[in-house]
Amino acid sequence: MGGTTGFTGVPEQKDARATGGKSGGAAHGSRGGEPPDAWAKFKEAVVNVAKPVLRQPFERNEITRDVFKQITKKAAEKVVSSFKKEGVPPPANNEIDAKQRGKIQKLVKEYLSLSKKA
């Protein structure tokens, strides 16, 4: 059923769409004036920026699968919520520019360092 990503054991990020959207996404998505699926696609784009940062520590067994998933989820939710809080719509075509990419990667690295201290 699940496909291979080319990296053994690297978790695939599943979100509310895979489970029928029962995470309350409609209530969150309507807040910014954008359709809920636009925010879900943006969240997925953020996760795709976060994954490469965590891949090497995961492959070196510095973090567990649960920590990998927790950090990607936390980072994506934080970025999306900050966009909504500022009233900024999700980027067109979910393209994240280089400056935003750098900020997301920095956030993920901070979460990674915090998880290693715990």
Protein backbone atom coordinates (compact mmCIF):
# COMPACT_ATOMS: atom_id res chain seq x y z
CA MET A 1 0.00 0.00 0.00
CA GLY A 2 2.67 2.57 1.04
CA GLY A 3 5.41 3.57 -1.37
CA THR A 4 9.11 3.67 -0.71
CA THR A 5 10.80 7.04 -0.40
CA GLY A 6 14.26 5.71 -1.18
CA PHE A 7 15.29 5.91 2.47
CA THR A 8 14.55 2.88 4.56
CA GLY A 9 12.62 3.63 7.68
CA VAL A 10 12.11 7.32 7.01
CA PRO A 11 8.53 8.08 8.04
CA GLU A 12 6.04 9.42 5.56
CA GLN A 13 4.06 12.39 6.84
CA LYS A 14 0.35 11.64 6.95
CA ASP A 15 -2.13 14.41 7.55
CA ALA A 16 -5.85 14.83 8.03
CA ARG A 17 -6.65 14.31 4.33
CA ALA A 18 -5.49 10.68 4.56
CA THR A 19 -7.91 9.99 7.42
CA GLY A 20 -10.91 11.68 5.91
CA GLY A 21 -10.09 15.17 7.21
CA LYS A 22 -11.42 14.60 10.73
CA SER A 23 -8.92 16.85 12.46
CA GLY A 24 -11.11 19.95 12.41
CA GLY A 25 -9.34 21.48 9.41
CA ALA A 26 -12.47 23.28 8.20
CA ALA A 27 -12.62 25.43 11.32
CA HIS A 28 -8.95 26.38 11.04
CA GLY A 29 -8.92 26.87 7.28
CA SER A 30 -11.76 29.35 7.17
CA ARG A 31 -10.01 31.73 9.54
CA GLY A 32 -7.64 33.18 6.95
CA GLY A 33 -10.34 33.55 4.30
CA GLU A 34 -8.73 30.80 2.22
CA PRO A 35 -10.21 27.36 1.55
CA PRO A 36 -9.11 24.71 4.06
CA ASP A 37 -7.35 22.64 1.41
CA ALA A 38 -5.11 25.62 0.52
CA TRP A 39 -3.82 25.65 4.10
CA ALA A 40 -3.41 21.85 4.08
CA LYS A 41 -1.36 22.04 0.88
CA PHE A 42 0.76 24.83 2.35
CA LYS A 43 1.30 22.76 5.50
CA GLU A 44 2.43 19.85 3.31
CA ALA A 45 4.90 22.17 1.53
CA VAL A 46 6.32 23.23 4.91
CA VAL A 47 6.69 19.56 5.91
CA ASN A 48 8.59 18.96 2.65
CA VAL A 49 11.04 21.71 3.65
CA ALA A 50 11.47 20.27 7.16
CA LYS A 51 12.04 16.62 6.19
CA PRO A 52 15.49 17.00 4.58
CA VAL A 53 16.79 18.81 7.68
CA LEU A 54 15.77 15.87 9.88
CA ARG A 55 16.74 13.07 7.50
CA GLN A 56 20.43 12.87 8.40
CA PRO A 57 19.94 12.89 12.21
CA PHE A 58 17.26 10.24 11.74
CA GLU A 59 19.52 8.04 9.60
CA ARG A 60 22.32 8.39 12.18
CA ASN A 61 19.83 7.27 14.88
CA GLU A 62 20.20 10.56 16.72
CA ILE A 63 16.41 10.95 16.76
CA THR A 64 13.57 8.44 16.78
CA ARG A 65 10.78 8.15 14.27
CA ASP A 66 8.38 9.68 16.79
CA VAL A 67 10.66 12.70 17.31
CA PHE A 68 11.00 13.08 13.51
CA LYS A 69 7.22 13.13 13.13
CA GLN A 70 6.72 15.38 16.16
CA ILE A 71 9.20 18.00 14.92
CA THR A 72 7.77 18.09 11.38
CA LYS A 73 4.24 18.43 12.73
CA LYS A 74 5.21 21.10 15.27
CA ALA A 75 7.13 23.16 12.71
CA ALA A 76 4.38 22.96 10.08
CA GLU A 77 1.69 23.93 12.56
CA LYS A 78 3.74 26.84 13.86
CA VAL A 79 4.44 28.24 10.38
CA VAL A 80 0.81 27.88 9.24
CA SER A 81 -0.54 29.41 12.46
CA SER A 82 1.83 32.38 12.18
CA PHE A 83 0.67 33.00 8.61
CA LYS A 84 -2.95 32.86 9.74
CA LYS A 85 -2.26 35.08 12.76
CA GLU A 86 -0.70 37.75 10.54
CA GLY A 87 -3.58 37.45 8.07
CA VAL A 88 -1.23 36.38 5.27
CA PRO A 89 -2.75 33.98 2.74
CA PRO A 90 -0.82 30.83 1.83
CA PRO A 91 1.66 31.45 -1.02
CA ALA A 92 0.40 30.90 -4.56
CA ASN A 93 1.07 27.34 -5.76
CA ASN A 94 2.48 26.64 -2.28
CA GLU A 95 5.89 27.87 -3.40
CA ILE A 96 8.05 28.72 -0.44
CA ASP A 97 10.74 31.26 -1.32
CA ALA A 98 14.37 30.95 -0.25
CA LYS A 99 14.06 33.37 2.68
CA GLN A 100 11.06 31.51 4.12
CA ARG A 101 12.81 28.17 3.50
CA GLY A 102 15.78 29.35 5.54
CA LYS A 103 13.53 30.44 8.40
CA ILE A 104 11.69 27.10 8.39
CA GLN A 105 14.98 25.18 8.36
CA LYS A 106 16.25 27.28 11.26
CA LEU A 107 13.05 26.58 13.22
CA VAL A 108 13.41 22.84 12.59
CA LYS A 109 17.05 22.93 13.71
CA GLU A 110 15.99 24.69 16.92
CA TYR A 111 13.35 22.04 17.59
CA LEU A 112 15.99 19.38 16.85
CA SER A 113 18.45 20.86 19.34
CA LEU A 114 15.71 21.11 21.97
CA SER A 115 14.72 17.47 21.45
CA LYS A 116 18.35 16.34 21.88
CA LYS A 117 18.62 18.20 25.20
CA ALA A 118 15.47 16.56 26.55
